[in-house]
Amino acid sequence: MSGFTRQSPAVVRVESYLRSMGELGATDAELEDALGLSRATVCAARKLLVDEGAAEWSGEKREIPLGQPPKVWRLVG
């Protein structure tokens, strides 16, 4: 349990950024870089949005130079 709620500043910032990105969405790393938040904070905030049905995996992954391509997240609706 992260202790976050929908009103938590990190959750509000992640939701706002995903809204601004529209269908393009964002990976956790992109959220981290854009918002200046730690990976743990981004993941916990994004997970809360997913668990509440406000965000979803877009079905896409971004190509990166090394490693597994990360999932792209977007807001529902």
PDB file of N, CA and C in Angstrom:
ATOM      1  N   MET A   1       0.856  -1.185   0.000  1.00  0.00           N
ATOM      2  CA  MET A   1       0.000   0.000   0.000  1.00  0.00           C
ATOM      3  C   MET A   1       0.893   1.236   0.000  1.00  0.00           C
ATOM      4  N   SER A   2       0.644   2.139  -0.925  1.00  0.00           N
ATOM      5  CA  SER A   2       1.504   3.306  -1.077  1.00  0.00           C
ATOM      6  C   SER A   2       1.147   4.442  -0.138  1.00  0.00           C
ATOM      7  N   GLY A   3      -0.068   4.480   0.358  1.00  0.00           N
ATOM      8  CA  GLY A   3      -0.506   5.603   1.172  1.00  0.00           C
ATOM      9  C   GLY A   3      -0.991   6.773   0.340  1.00  0.00           C
ATOM     10  N   PHE A   4      -0.937   6.640  -1.005  1.00  0.00           N
ATOM     11  CA  PHE A   4      -1.415   7.691  -1.890  1.00  0.00           C
ATOM     12  C   PHE A   4      -2.936   7.641  -2.010  1.00  0.00           C
ATOM     13  N   THR A   5      -3.531   8.795  -2.252  1.00  0.00           N
ATOM     14  CA  THR A   5      -4.936   8.898  -2.624  1.00  0.00           C
ATOM     15  C   THR A   5      -4.992   9.667  -3.930  1.00  0.00           C
ATOM     16  N   ARG A   6      -6.168   9.760  -4.528  1.00  0.00           N
ATOM     17  CA  ARG A   6      -6.295  10.495  -5.786  1.00  0.00           C
ATOM     18  C   ARG A   6      -5.932  11.973  -5.622  1.00  0.00           C
ATOM     19  N   GLN A   7      -6.004  12.482  -4.391  1.00  0.00           N
ATOM     20  CA  GLN A   7      -5.691  13.880  -4.136  1.00  0.00           C
ATOM     21  C   GLN A   7      -4.223  14.108  -3.795  1.00  0.00           C
ATOM     22  N   SER A   8      -3.453  13.042  -3.655  1.00  0.00           N
ATOM     23  CA  SER A   8      -2.029  13.179  -3.343  1.00  0.00           C
ATOM     24  C   SER A   8      -1.342  13.944  -4.467  1.00  0.00           C
ATOM     25  N   PRO A   9      -0.443  14.870  -4.132  1.00  0.00           N
ATOM     26  CA  PRO A   9       0.217  15.683  -5.165  1.00  0.00           C
ATOM     27  C   PRO A   9       0.861  14.858  -6.283  1.00  0.00           C
ATOM     28  N   ALA A  10       1.525  13.767  -5.948  1.00  0.00           N
ATOM     29  CA  ALA A  10       2.180  12.960  -6.991  1.00  0.00           C
ATOM     30  C   ALA A  10       1.155  12.345  -7.936  1.00  0.00           C
ATOM     31  N   VAL A  11       0.045  11.886  -7.397  1.00  0.00           N
ATOM     32  CA  VAL A  11      -1.001  11.280  -8.228  1.00  0.00           C
ATOM     33  C   VAL A  11      -1.616  12.335  -9.140  1.00  0.00           C
ATOM     34  N   VAL A  12      -1.885  13.505  -8.594  1.00  0.00           N
ATOM     35  CA  VAL A  12      -2.443  14.602  -9.384  1.00  0.00           C
ATOM     36  C   VAL A  12      -1.487  14.978 -10.513  1.00  0.00           C
ATOM     37  N   ARG A  13      -0.194  15.038 -10.223  1.00  0.00           N
ATOM     38  CA  ARG A  13       0.797  15.401 -11.244  1.00  0.00           C
ATOM     39  C   ARG A  13       0.899  14.337 -12.332  1.00  0.00           C
ATOM     40  N   VAL A  14       0.907  13.058 -11.941  1.00  0.00           N
ATOM     41  CA  VAL A  14       0.972  11.973 -12.929  1.00  0.00           C
ATOM     42  C   VAL A  14      -0.282  11.994 -13.801  1.00  0.00           C
ATOM     43  N   GLU A  15      -1.442  12.134 -13.185  1.00  0.00           N
ATOM     44  CA  GLU A  15      -2.692  12.168 -13.942  1.00  0.00           C
ATOM     45  C   GLU A  15      -2.717  13.359 -14.904  1.00  0.00           C
ATOM     46  N   SER A  16      -2.291  14.503 -14.433  1.00  0.00           N
ATOM     47  CA  SER A  16      -2.267  15.704 -15.272  1.00  0.00           C
ATOM     48  C   SER A  16      -1.327  15.524 -16.461  1.00  0.00           C
ATOM     49  N   TYR A  17      -0.149  14.950 -16.216  1.00  0.00           N
ATOM     50  CA  TYR A  17       0.801  14.746 -17.308  1.00  0.00           C
ATOM     51  C   TYR A  17       0.248  13.752 -18.325  1.00  0.00           C
ATOM     52  N   LEU A  18      -0.327  12.645 -17.844  1.00  0.00           N
ATOM     53  CA  LEU A  18      -0.910  11.678 -18.774  1.00  0.00           C
ATOM     54  C   LEU A  18      -2.038  12.324 -19.579  1.00  0.00           C
ATOM     55  N   ARG A  19      -2.837  13.173 -18.951  1.00  0.00           N
ATOM     56  CA  ARG A  19      -3.897  13.879 -19.670  1.00  0.00           C
ATOM     57  C   ARG A  19      -3.297  14.752 -20.776  1.00  0.00           C
ATOM     58  N   SER A  20      -2.208  15.442 -20.447  1.00  0.00           N
ATOM     59  CA  SER A  20      -1.589  16.336 -21.431  1.00  0.00           C
ATOM     60  C   SER A  20      -0.992  15.568 -22.611  1.00  0.00           C
ATOM     61  N   MET A  21      -0.620  14.317 -22.390  1.00  0.00           N
ATOM     62  CA  MET A  21      -0.017  13.503 -23.451  1.00  0.00           C
ATOM     63  C   MET A  21      -1.060  12.815 -24.334  1.00  0.00           C
ATOM     64  N   GLY A  22      -2.295  12.782 -23.898  1.00  0.00           N
ATOM     65  CA  GLY A  22      -3.373  12.190 -24.699  1.00  0.00           C
ATOM     66  C   GLY A  22      -3.092  10.752 -25.089  1.00  0.00           C
ATOM     67  N   GLU A  23      -3.410  10.421 -26.331  1.00  0.00           N
ATOM     68  CA  GLU A  23      -3.236   9.049 -26.831  1.00  0.00           C
ATOM     69  C   GLU A  23      -1.780   8.618 -26.887  1.00  0.00           C
ATOM     70  N   LEU A  24      -0.858   9.570 -26.959  1.00  0.00           N
ATOM     71  CA  LEU A  24       0.568   9.240 -26.992  1.00  0.00           C
ATOM     72  C   LEU A  24       0.983   8.542 -25.704  1.00  0.00           C
ATOM     73  N   GLY A  25       0.388   8.941 -24.571  1.00  0.00           N
ATOM     74  CA  GLY A  25       0.699   8.333 -23.284  1.00  0.00           C
ATOM     75  C   GLY A  25       2.134   8.584 -22.854  1.00  0.00           C
ATOM     76  N   ALA A  26       2.568   7.858 -21.844  1.00  0.00           N
ATOM     77  CA  ALA A  26       3.924   8.001 -21.322  1.00  0.00           C
ATOM     78  C   ALA A  26       4.339   6.736 -20.593  1.00  0.00           C
ATOM     79  N   THR A  27       5.624   6.455 -20.638  1.00  0.00           N
ATOM     80  CA  THR A  27       6.175   5.346 -19.858  1.00  0.00           C
ATOM     81  C   THR A  27       6.476   5.865 -18.445  1.00  0.00           C
ATOM     82  N   ASP A  28       6.745   4.947 -17.528  1.00  0.00           N
ATOM     83  CA  ASP A  28       7.125   5.362 -16.171  1.00  0.00           C
ATOM     84  C   ASP A  28       8.388   6.222 -16.204  1.00  0.00           C
ATOM     85  N   ALA A  29       9.360   5.856 -17.049  1.00  0.00           N
ATOM     86  CA  ALA A  29      10.603   6.635 -17.142  1.00  0.00           C
ATOM     87  C   ALA A  29      10.330   8.038 -17.677  1.00  0.00           C
ATOM     88  N   GLU A  30       9.430   8.149 -18.650  1.00  0.00           N
ATOM     89  CA  GLU A  30       9.087   9.466 -19.183  1.00  0.00           C
ATOM     90  C   GLU A  30       8.390  10.318 -18.129  1.00  0.00           C
ATOM     91  N   LEU A  31       7.513   9.687 -17.349  1.00  0.00           N
ATOM     92  CA  LEU A  31       6.849  10.399 -16.249  1.00  0.00           C
ATOM     93  C   LEU A  31       7.876  10.872 -15.231  1.00  0.00           C
ATOM     94  N   GLU A  32       8.796   9.996 -14.886  1.00  0.00           N
ATOM     95  CA  GLU A  32       9.854  10.324 -13.922  1.00  0.00           C
ATOM     96  C   GLU A  32      10.661  11.531 -14.399  1.00  0.00           C
ATOM     97  N   ASP A  33      11.086  11.505 -15.648  1.00  0.00           N
ATOM     98  CA  ASP A  33      11.898  12.600 -16.197  1.00  0.00           C
ATOM     99  C   ASP A  33      11.107  13.900 -16.285  1.00  0.00           C
ATOM    100  N   ALA A  34       9.887  13.827 -16.773  1.00  0.00           N
ATOM    101  CA  ALA A  34       9.083  15.037 -16.972  1.00  0.00           C
ATOM    102  C   ALA A  34       8.684  15.692 -15.656  1.00  0.00           C
ATOM    103  N   LEU A  35       8.420  14.876 -14.641  1.00  0.00           N
ATOM    104  CA  LEU A  35       7.895  15.400 -13.382  1.00  0.00           C
ATOM    105  C   LEU A  35       8.940  15.563 -12.290  1.00  0.00           C
ATOM    106  N   GLY A  36      10.135  15.007 -12.506  1.00  0.00           N
ATOM    107  CA  GLY A  36      11.175  15.105 -11.492  1.00  0.00           C
ATOM    108  C   GLY A  36      10.872  14.301 -10.244  1.00  0.00           C
ATOM    109  N   LEU A  37      10.117  13.217 -10.421  1.00  0.00           N
ATOM    110  CA  LEU A  37       9.770  12.345  -9.298  1.00  0.00           C
ATOM    111  C   LEU A  37      10.598  11.065  -9.363  1.00  0.00           C
ATOM    112  N   SER A  38      10.735  10.391  -8.233  1.00  0.00           N
ATOM    113  CA  SER A  38      11.462   9.117  -8.215  1.00  0.00           C
ATOM    114  C   SER A  38      10.646   8.050  -8.929  1.00  0.00           C
ATOM    115  N   ARG A  39      11.326   7.017  -9.388  1.00  0.00           N
ATOM    116  CA  ARG A  39      10.642   5.908 -10.057  1.00  0.00           C
ATOM    117  C   ARG A  39       9.613   5.272  -9.121  1.00  0.00           C
ATOM    118  N   ALA A  40       9.962   5.104  -7.846  1.00  0.00           N
ATOM    119  CA  ALA A  40       9.030   4.494  -6.903  1.00  0.00           C
ATOM    120  C   ALA A  40       7.757   5.320  -6.755  1.00  0.00           C
ATOM    121  N   THR A  41       7.906   6.638  -6.711  1.00  0.00           N
ATOM    122  CA  THR A  41       6.744   7.521  -6.572  1.00  0.00           C
ATOM    123  C   THR A  41       5.881   7.474  -7.821  1.00  0.00           C
ATOM    124  N   VAL A  42       6.506   7.538  -8.990  1.00  0.00           N
ATOM    125  CA  VAL A  42       5.771   7.477 -10.255  1.00  0.00           C
ATOM    126  C   VAL A  42       5.010   6.161 -10.357  1.00  0.00           C
ATOM    127  N   CYS A  43       5.676   5.053 -10.076  1.00  0.00           N
ATOM    128  CA  CYS A  43       5.042   3.744 -10.200  1.00  0.00           C
ATOM    129  C   CYS A  43       3.861   3.603  -9.240  1.00  0.00           C
ATOM    130  N   ALA A  44       4.022   4.058  -8.006  1.00  0.00           N
ATOM    131  CA  ALA A  44       2.941   3.968  -7.021  1.00  0.00           C
ATOM    132  C   ALA A  44       1.754   4.840  -7.428  1.00  0.00           C
ATOM    133  N   ALA A  45       2.039   6.040  -7.907  1.00  0.00           N
ATOM    134  CA  ALA A  45       0.962   6.946  -8.330  1.00  0.00           C
ATOM    135  C   ALA A  45       0.247   6.391  -9.559  1.00  0.00           C
ATOM    136  N   ARG A  46       1.002   5.913 -10.538  1.00  0.00           N
ATOM    137  CA  ARG A  46       0.409   5.340 -11.739  1.00  0.00           C
ATOM    138  C   ARG A  46      -0.389   4.088 -11.417  1.00  0.00           C
ATOM    139  N   LYS A  47       0.122   3.252 -10.508  1.00  0.00           N
ATOM    140  CA  LYS A  47      -0.592   2.037 -10.113  1.00  0.00           C
ATOM    141  C   LYS A  47      -1.927   2.378  -9.486  1.00  0.00           C
ATOM    142  N   LEU A  48      -1.974   3.401  -8.651  1.00  0.00           N
ATOM    143  CA  LEU A  48      -3.234   3.808  -8.048  1.00  0.00           C
ATOM    144  C   LEU A  48      -4.231   4.203  -9.139  1.00  0.00           C
ATOM    145  N   LEU A  49      -3.771   4.967 -10.132  1.00  0.00           N
ATOM    146  CA  LEU A  49      -4.653   5.374 -11.225  1.00  0.00           C
ATOM    147  C   LEU A  49      -5.147   4.163 -12.019  1.00  0.00           C
ATOM    148  N   VAL A  50      -4.273   3.192 -12.248  1.00  0.00           N
ATOM    149  CA  VAL A  50      -4.668   1.968 -12.952  1.00  0.00           C
ATOM    150  C   VAL A  50      -5.664   1.176 -12.106  1.00  0.00           C
ATOM    151  N   ASP A  51      -5.355   0.997 -10.828  1.00  0.00           N
ATOM    152  CA  ASP A  51      -6.235   0.222  -9.947  1.00  0.00           C
ATOM    153  C   ASP A  51      -7.629   0.839  -9.842  1.00  0.00           C
ATOM    154  N   GLU A  52      -7.708   2.160  -9.935  1.00  0.00           N
ATOM    155  CA  GLU A  52      -9.003   2.849  -9.849  1.00  0.00           C
ATOM    156  C   GLU A  52      -9.682   2.980 -11.213  1.00  0.00           C
ATOM    157  N   GLY A  53      -9.059   2.458 -12.260  1.00  0.00           N
ATOM    158  CA  GLY A  53      -9.663   2.489 -13.583  1.00  0.00           C
ATOM    159  C   GLY A  53      -9.514   3.808 -14.323  1.00  0.00           C
ATOM    160  N   ALA A  54      -8.663   4.698 -13.812  1.00  0.00           N
ATOM    161  CA  ALA A  54      -8.470   6.002 -14.455  1.00  0.00           C
ATOM    162  C   ALA A  54      -7.398   5.969 -15.534  1.00  0.00           C
ATOM    163  N   ALA A  55      -6.491   5.001 -15.451  1.00  0.00           N
ATOM    164  CA  ALA A  55      -5.410   4.856 -16.433  1.00  0.00           C
ATOM    165  C   ALA A  55      -5.306   3.387 -16.828  1.00  0.00           C
ATOM    166  N   GLU A  56      -4.677   3.168 -17.986  1.00  0.00           N
ATOM    167  CA  GLU A  56      -4.531   1.798 -18.480  1.00  0.00           C
ATOM    168  C   GLU A  56      -3.271   1.689 -19.325  1.00  0.00           C
ATOM    169  N   TRP A  57      -2.811   0.446 -19.494  1.00  0.00           N
ATOM    170  CA  TRP A  57      -1.732   0.187 -20.433  1.00  0.00           C
ATOM    171  C   TRP A  57      -2.330   0.353 -21.825  1.00  0.00           C
ATOM    172  N   SER A  58      -1.670   1.103 -22.663  1.00  0.00           N
ATOM    173  CA  SER A  58      -2.176   1.397 -24.008  1.00  0.00           C
ATOM    174  C   SER A  58      -2.082   0.194 -24.937  1.00  0.00           C
ATOM    175  N   GLY A  59      -1.370  -0.826 -24.511  1.00  0.00           N
ATOM    176  CA  GLY A  59      -1.119  -1.972 -25.384  1.00  0.00           C
ATOM    177  C   GLY A  59       0.159  -1.797 -26.185  1.00  0.00           C
ATOM    178  N   GLU A  60       0.797  -0.645 -26.004  1.00  0.00           N
ATOM    179  CA  GLU A  60       2.030  -0.333 -26.730  1.00  0.00           C
ATOM    180  C   GLU A  60       3.228  -0.325 -25.791  1.00  0.00           C
ATOM    181  N   LYS A  61       4.393  -0.490 -26.387  1.00  0.00           N
ATOM    182  CA  LYS A  61       5.657  -0.358 -25.671  1.00  0.00           C
ATOM    183  C   LYS A  61       6.551   0.547 -26.490  1.00  0.00           C
ATOM    184  N   ARG A  62       7.407   1.322 -25.819  1.00  0.00           N
ATOM    185  CA  ARG A  62       8.325   2.228 -26.517  1.00  0.00           C
ATOM    186  C   ARG A  62       9.639   1.503 -26.780  1.00  0.00           C
ATOM    187  N   GLU A  63      10.205   1.751 -27.918  1.00  0.00           N
ATOM    188  CA  GLU A  63      11.529   1.217 -28.220  1.00  0.00           C
ATOM    189  C   GLU A  63      12.579   2.025 -27.456  1.00  0.00           C
ATOM    190  N   ILE A  64      13.517   1.330 -26.850  1.00  0.00           N
ATOM    191  CA  ILE A  64      14.623   1.959 -26.133  1.00  0.00           C
ATOM    192  C   ILE A  64      15.917   1.293 -26.573  1.00  0.00           C
ATOM    193  N   PRO A  65      17.057   1.980 -26.372  1.00  0.00           N
ATOM    194  CA  PRO A  65      18.332   1.426 -26.854  1.00  0.00           C
ATOM    195  C   PRO A  65      18.698   0.073 -26.243  1.00  0.00           C
ATOM    196  N   LEU A  66      18.477  -0.084 -24.951  1.00  0.00           N
ATOM    197  CA  LEU A  66      18.846  -1.322 -24.257  1.00  0.00           C
ATOM    198  C   LEU A  66      17.717  -1.785 -23.362  1.00  0.00           C
ATOM    199  N   GLY A  67      17.622  -3.078 -23.191  1.00  0.00           N
ATOM    200  CA  GLY A  67      16.644  -3.627 -22.261  1.00  0.00           C
ATOM    201  C   GLY A  67      15.270  -3.823 -22.872  1.00  0.00           C
ATOM    202  N   GLN A  68      14.361  -4.236 -22.015  1.00  0.00           N
ATOM    203  CA  GLN A  68      12.987  -4.488 -22.444  1.00  0.00           C
ATOM    204  C   GLN A  68      12.252  -3.179 -22.704  1.00  0.00           C
ATOM    205  N   PRO A  69      11.503  -3.100 -23.793  1.00  0.00           N
ATOM    206  CA  PRO A  69      10.719  -1.893 -24.052  1.00  0.00           C
ATOM    207  C   PRO A  69       9.672  -1.691 -22.952  1.00  0.00           C
ATOM    208  N   PRO A  70       9.585  -0.477 -22.394  1.00  0.00           N
ATOM    209  CA  PRO A  70       8.640  -0.228 -21.310  1.00  0.00           C
ATOM    210  C   PRO A  70       7.215  -0.009 -21.839  1.00  0.00           C
ATOM    211  N   LYS A  71       6.239  -0.322 -20.995  1.00  0.00           N
ATOM    212  CA  LYS A  71       4.824  -0.124 -21.333  1.00  0.00           C
ATOM    213  C   LYS A  71       4.504   1.372 -21.385  1.00  0.00           C
ATOM    214  N   VAL A  72       3.573   1.714 -22.252  1.00  0.00           N
ATOM    215  CA  VAL A  72       3.078   3.073 -22.369  1.00  0.00           C
ATOM    216  C   VAL A  72       1.721   3.139 -21.681  1.00  0.00           C
ATOM    217  N   TRP A  73       1.560   4.099 -20.778  1.00  0.00           N
ATOM    218  CA  TRP A  73       0.336   4.268 -19.995  1.00  0.00           C
ATOM    219  C   TRP A  73      -0.420   5.484 -20.493  1.00  0.00           C
ATOM    220  N   ARG A  74      -1.748   5.435 -20.427  1.00  0.00           N
ATOM    221  CA  ARG A  74      -2.570   6.584 -20.797  1.00  0.00           C
ATOM    222  C   ARG A  74      -3.817   6.594 -19.931  1.00  0.00           C
ATOM    223  N   LEU A  75      -4.483   7.738 -19.908  1.00  0.00           N
ATOM    224  CA  LEU A  75      -5.735   7.840 -19.172  1.00  0.00           C
ATOM    225  C   LEU A  75      -6.843   7.143 -19.945  1.00  0.00           C
ATOM    226  N   VAL A  76      -7.811   6.629 -19.239  1.00  0.00           N
ATOM    227  CA  VAL A  76      -8.963   5.966 -19.837  1.00  0.00           C
ATOM    228  C   VAL A  76      -9.937   7.043 -20.287  1.00  0.00           C
ATOM    229  N   GLY A  77     -10.506   6.839 -21.454  1.00  0.00           N
ATOM    230  CA  GLY A  77     -11.549   7.753 -21.955  1.00  0.00           C
ATOM    231  C   GLY A  77     -10.998   8.948 -22.465  1.00  0.00           C
TER     232      GLY A  77
END
